[in-house]
Amino acid sequence: MKGKRTLYEIYWEILTYARNQKTSTNIIHRCSLNSKIAQEHIGFLMNKGYLRRFEENGQNYLKTTEEAKPFLEAFKDMYLELFSRGPEFKL
């Protein structure tokens, strides 16, 4: 399936990519988002407890939390059921 991504696909991409700590800029570029929309999505995921922000060596990073695992698994299972293949996002 090609075309416009759903909000859930974008959340899945952000959380999948941020399993290893990433900067907001890394996420924006890798997930092909504009800055304003990315900050809204990141804020939502942080409010849900799925992302956390921390500082290391003077740099701000984001990282996916353990609380995001149920969402990631549910999304993958739903996607497999609908499309007979897993979601695509090459890391």
N, C-alpha and C. Protein backbone atom coordinates (compact mmCIF):
# COMPACT_ATOMS: atom_id res chain seq x y z
N MET A 1 0.84 -1.18 0.00
CA MET A 1 0.00 0.00 0.00
C MET A 1 0.88 1.24 0.00
N LYS A 2 0.68 2.07 -0.97
CA LYS A 2 1.43 3.32 -1.07
C LYS A 2 0.47 4.48 -0.87
N GLY A 3 1.01 5.65 -0.67
CA GLY A 3 0.16 6.82 -0.52
C GLY A 3 0.43 7.52 0.79
N LYS A 4 -0.50 8.34 1.17
CA LYS A 4 -0.37 9.13 2.39
C LYS A 4 -0.38 8.23 3.63
N ARG A 5 0.54 8.49 4.54
CA ARG A 5 0.61 7.72 5.78
C ARG A 5 -0.50 8.15 6.73
N THR A 6 -0.97 7.19 7.50
CA THR A 6 -1.93 7.51 8.55
C THR A 6 -1.18 8.08 9.75
N LEU A 7 -1.91 8.68 10.64
CA LEU A 7 -1.32 9.20 11.88
C LEU A 7 -0.65 8.07 12.66
N TYR A 8 -1.30 6.91 12.68
CA TYR A 8 -0.75 5.77 13.41
C TYR A 8 0.56 5.29 12.80
N GLU A 9 0.65 5.32 11.48
CA GLU A 9 1.90 4.94 10.82
C GLU A 9 3.01 5.92 11.17
N ILE A 10 2.68 7.19 11.23
CA ILE A 10 3.69 8.20 11.60
C ILE A 10 4.15 7.98 13.03
N TYR A 11 3.21 7.75 13.94
CA TYR A 11 3.59 7.46 15.33
C TYR A 11 4.48 6.22 15.39
N TRP A 12 4.11 5.18 14.65
CA TRP A 12 4.90 3.96 14.63
C TRP A 12 6.31 4.23 14.12
N GLU A 13 6.43 5.03 13.04
CA GLU A 13 7.75 5.35 12.49
C GLU A 13 8.60 6.11 13.50
N ILE A 14 8.01 7.10 14.15
CA ILE A 14 8.76 7.89 15.14
C ILE A 14 9.24 6.97 16.26
N LEU A 15 8.34 6.17 16.80
CA LEU A 15 8.71 5.30 17.93
C LEU A 15 9.70 4.22 17.53
N THR A 16 9.57 3.69 16.33
CA THR A 16 10.51 2.69 15.85
C THR A 16 11.90 3.30 15.67
N TYR A 17 11.94 4.46 15.07
CA TYR A 17 13.22 5.13 14.82
C TYR A 17 13.90 5.56 16.12
N ALA A 18 13.11 5.97 17.10
CA ALA A 18 13.67 6.49 18.35
C ALA A 18 13.95 5.40 19.39
N ARG A 19 13.93 4.14 18.97
CA ARG A 19 14.31 3.08 19.92
C ARG A 19 15.73 3.31 20.43
N ASN A 20 16.57 3.80 19.55
CA ASN A 20 17.90 4.28 19.95
C ASN A 20 17.79 5.79 19.99
N GLN A 21 18.37 6.40 20.97
CA GLN A 21 18.21 7.85 21.16
C GLN A 21 18.46 8.64 19.88
N LYS A 22 17.60 9.61 19.63
CA LYS A 22 17.69 10.45 18.45
C LYS A 22 17.36 11.88 18.83
N THR A 23 17.88 12.82 18.07
CA THR A 23 17.50 14.22 18.26
C THR A 23 16.18 14.45 17.53
N SER A 24 15.50 15.53 17.88
CA SER A 24 14.27 15.90 17.18
C SER A 24 14.55 16.10 15.70
N THR A 25 15.68 16.72 15.40
CA THR A 25 16.05 16.96 14.01
C THR A 25 16.23 15.65 13.26
N ASN A 26 16.88 14.66 13.88
CA ASN A 26 17.03 13.34 13.25
C ASN A 26 15.67 12.75 12.92
N ILE A 27 14.75 12.83 13.86
CA ILE A 27 13.40 12.27 13.67
C ILE A 27 12.67 13.00 12.55
N ILE A 28 12.74 14.33 12.55
CA ILE A 28 12.08 15.13 11.53
C ILE A 28 12.55 14.72 10.14
N HIS A 29 13.85 14.63 9.96
CA HIS A 29 14.41 14.29 8.65
C HIS A 29 14.11 12.84 8.26
N ARG A 30 14.34 11.91 9.16
CA ARG A 30 14.20 10.49 8.84
C ARG A 30 12.74 10.10 8.59
N CYS A 31 11.83 10.74 9.32
CA CYS A 31 10.41 10.40 9.18
C CYS A 31 9.69 11.32 8.19
N SER A 32 10.44 12.17 7.50
CA SER A 32 9.90 13.07 6.48
C SER A 32 8.73 13.90 6.99
N LEU A 33 8.99 14.64 8.06
CA LEU A 33 7.97 15.49 8.66
C LEU A 33 8.43 16.93 8.62
N ASN A 34 7.47 17.87 8.65
CA ASN A 34 7.89 19.25 8.82
C ASN A 34 8.02 19.52 10.32
N SER A 35 8.73 20.54 10.68
CA SER A 35 9.08 20.81 12.07
C SER A 35 7.85 20.99 12.95
N LYS A 36 6.88 21.76 12.49
CA LYS A 36 5.69 22.05 13.31
C LYS A 36 4.90 20.77 13.59
N ILE A 37 4.63 20.01 12.55
CA ILE A 37 3.87 18.77 12.70
C ILE A 37 4.65 17.77 13.55
N ALA A 38 5.94 17.67 13.33
CA ALA A 38 6.77 16.74 14.10
C ALA A 38 6.70 17.07 15.59
N GLN A 39 6.78 18.35 15.93
CA GLN A 39 6.73 18.73 17.34
C GLN A 39 5.38 18.38 17.95
N GLU A 40 4.30 18.51 17.17
CA GLU A 40 2.98 18.11 17.68
C GLU A 40 2.95 16.61 17.94
N HIS A 41 3.45 15.83 17.01
CA HIS A 41 3.47 14.37 17.17
C HIS A 41 4.36 13.96 18.34
N ILE A 42 5.53 14.55 18.43
CA ILE A 42 6.46 14.25 19.52
C ILE A 42 5.83 14.62 20.86
N GLY A 43 5.19 15.78 20.92
CA GLY A 43 4.51 16.20 22.15
C GLY A 43 3.42 15.22 22.56
N PHE A 44 2.63 14.77 21.60
CA PHE A 44 1.58 13.80 21.88
C PHE A 44 2.18 12.50 22.43
N LEU A 45 3.22 12.00 21.77
CA LEU A 45 3.85 10.75 22.21
C LEU A 45 4.51 10.89 23.57
N MET A 46 5.04 12.06 23.86
CA MET A 46 5.63 12.29 25.19
C MET A 46 4.53 12.34 26.25
N ASN A 47 3.41 12.99 25.94
CA ASN A 47 2.30 13.04 26.89
C ASN A 47 1.73 11.66 27.19
N LYS A 48 1.77 10.77 26.21
CA LYS A 48 1.31 9.39 26.40
C LYS A 48 2.34 8.56 27.18
N GLY A 49 3.56 9.10 27.33
CA GLY A 49 4.61 8.36 28.01
C GLY A 49 5.37 7.42 27.09
N TYR A 50 5.18 7.56 25.77
CA TYR A 50 5.83 6.68 24.79
C TYR A 50 7.22 7.17 24.39
N LEU A 51 7.48 8.44 24.56
CA LEU A 51 8.80 9.03 24.30
C LEU A 51 9.23 9.79 25.53
N ARG A 52 10.51 9.81 25.77
CA ARG A 52 11.02 10.67 26.84
C ARG A 52 12.18 11.49 26.31
N ARG A 53 12.29 12.68 26.84
CA ARG A 53 13.36 13.59 26.45
C ARG A 53 14.41 13.58 27.56
N PHE A 54 15.67 13.57 27.16
CA PHE A 54 16.76 13.65 28.14
C PHE A 54 17.94 14.36 27.51
N GLU A 55 18.86 14.77 28.36
CA GLU A 55 20.04 15.48 27.90
C GLU A 55 21.27 14.63 28.17
N GLU A 56 22.16 14.62 27.20
CA GLU A 56 23.43 13.91 27.34
C GLU A 56 24.51 14.73 26.66
N ASN A 57 25.55 15.05 27.40
CA ASN A 57 26.66 15.85 26.88
C ASN A 57 26.18 17.16 26.24
N GLY A 58 25.20 17.79 26.88
CA GLY A 58 24.70 19.07 26.40
C GLY A 58 23.77 18.99 25.21
N GLN A 59 23.44 17.79 24.75
CA GLN A 59 22.55 17.60 23.60
C GLN A 59 21.23 16.99 24.07
N ASN A 60 20.10 17.47 23.55
CA ASN A 60 18.79 16.92 23.88
C ASN A 60 18.46 15.75 22.95
N TYR A 61 17.97 14.68 23.55
CA TYR A 61 17.62 13.48 22.80
C TYR A 61 16.22 13.02 23.16
N LEU A 62 15.65 12.21 22.29
CA LEU A 62 14.38 11.53 22.52
C LEU A 62 14.63 10.03 22.42
N LYS A 63 13.89 9.28 23.22
CA LYS A 63 14.03 7.82 23.18
C LYS A 63 12.67 7.19 23.49
N THR A 64 12.36 6.13 22.76
CA THR A 64 11.13 5.38 22.98
C THR A 64 11.20 4.69 24.33
N THR A 65 10.09 4.71 25.06
CA THR A 65 10.03 4.10 26.40
C THR A 65 9.45 2.69 26.33
N GLU A 66 9.55 1.98 27.41
CA GLU A 66 8.96 0.65 27.52
C GLU A 66 7.44 0.72 27.39
N GLU A 67 6.84 1.83 27.82
CA GLU A 67 5.39 1.99 27.75
C GLU A 67 4.88 1.97 26.31
N ALA A 68 5.75 2.22 25.33
CA ALA A 68 5.34 2.23 23.92
C ALA A 68 5.24 0.83 23.33
N LYS A 69 5.81 -0.16 23.98
CA LYS A 69 5.83 -1.52 23.42
C LYS A 69 4.44 -2.06 23.09
N PRO A 70 3.44 -1.91 23.97
CA PRO A 70 2.11 -2.42 23.61
C PRO A 70 1.54 -1.76 22.34
N PHE A 71 1.76 -0.45 22.17
CA PHE A 71 1.29 0.23 20.96
C PHE A 71 2.01 -0.33 19.74
N LEU A 72 3.33 -0.46 19.82
CA LEU A 72 4.11 -0.96 18.68
C LEU A 72 3.68 -2.37 18.29
N GLU A 73 3.45 -3.22 19.26
CA GLU A 73 3.01 -4.59 18.99
C GLU A 73 1.60 -4.62 18.41
N ALA A 74 0.69 -3.84 19.00
CA ALA A 74 -0.69 -3.79 18.51
C ALA A 74 -0.74 -3.26 17.08
N PHE A 75 0.05 -2.24 16.80
CA PHE A 75 0.07 -1.67 15.46
C PHE A 75 0.58 -2.69 14.45
N LYS A 76 1.67 -3.37 14.81
CA LYS A 76 2.23 -4.39 13.92
C LYS A 76 1.21 -5.51 13.67
N ASP A 77 0.55 -5.97 14.72
CA ASP A 77 -0.44 -7.04 14.57
C ASP A 77 -1.61 -6.60 13.69
N MET A 78 -2.09 -5.38 13.89
CA MET A 78 -3.19 -4.85 13.10
C MET A 78 -2.77 -4.74 11.63
N TYR A 79 -1.58 -4.25 11.41
CA TYR A 79 -1.08 -4.06 10.06
C TYR A 79 -0.96 -5.41 9.34
N LEU A 80 -0.43 -6.41 10.05
CA LEU A 80 -0.32 -7.75 9.47
C LEU A 80 -1.69 -8.31 9.11
N GLU A 81 -2.65 -8.09 9.97
CA GLU A 81 -4.01 -8.58 9.72
C GLU A 81 -4.61 -7.91 8.49
N LEU A 82 -4.41 -6.63 8.35
CA LEU A 82 -5.00 -5.88 7.23
C LEU A 82 -4.29 -6.11 5.91
N PHE A 83 -2.96 -6.17 5.93
CA PHE A 83 -2.20 -6.15 4.69
C PHE A 83 -1.35 -7.40 4.44
N SER A 84 -1.41 -8.37 5.33
CA SER A 84 -0.64 -9.62 5.18
C SER A 84 0.86 -9.40 5.08
N ARG A 85 1.33 -8.29 5.59
CA ARG A 85 2.77 -8.00 5.67
C ARG A 85 2.96 -6.95 6.75
N GLY A 86 4.15 -6.89 7.28
CA GLY A 86 4.43 -5.92 8.33
C GLY A 86 4.56 -4.51 7.79
N PRO A 87 4.46 -3.53 8.66
CA PRO A 87 4.68 -2.15 8.24
C PRO A 87 6.10 -1.96 7.74
N GLU A 88 6.26 -1.06 6.79
CA GLU A 88 7.57 -0.86 6.18
C GLU A 88 8.18 0.45 6.64
N PHE A 89 9.37 0.35 7.17
CA PHE A 89 10.14 1.52 7.56
C PHE A 89 11.56 1.03 7.69
N LYS A 90 12.38 1.35 6.73
CA LYS A 90 13.76 0.86 6.74
C LYS A 90 14.62 1.75 7.62
N LEU A 91 15.18 1.15 8.65
CA LEU A 91 15.99 1.90 9.60
C LEU A 91 17.42 1.98 9.15
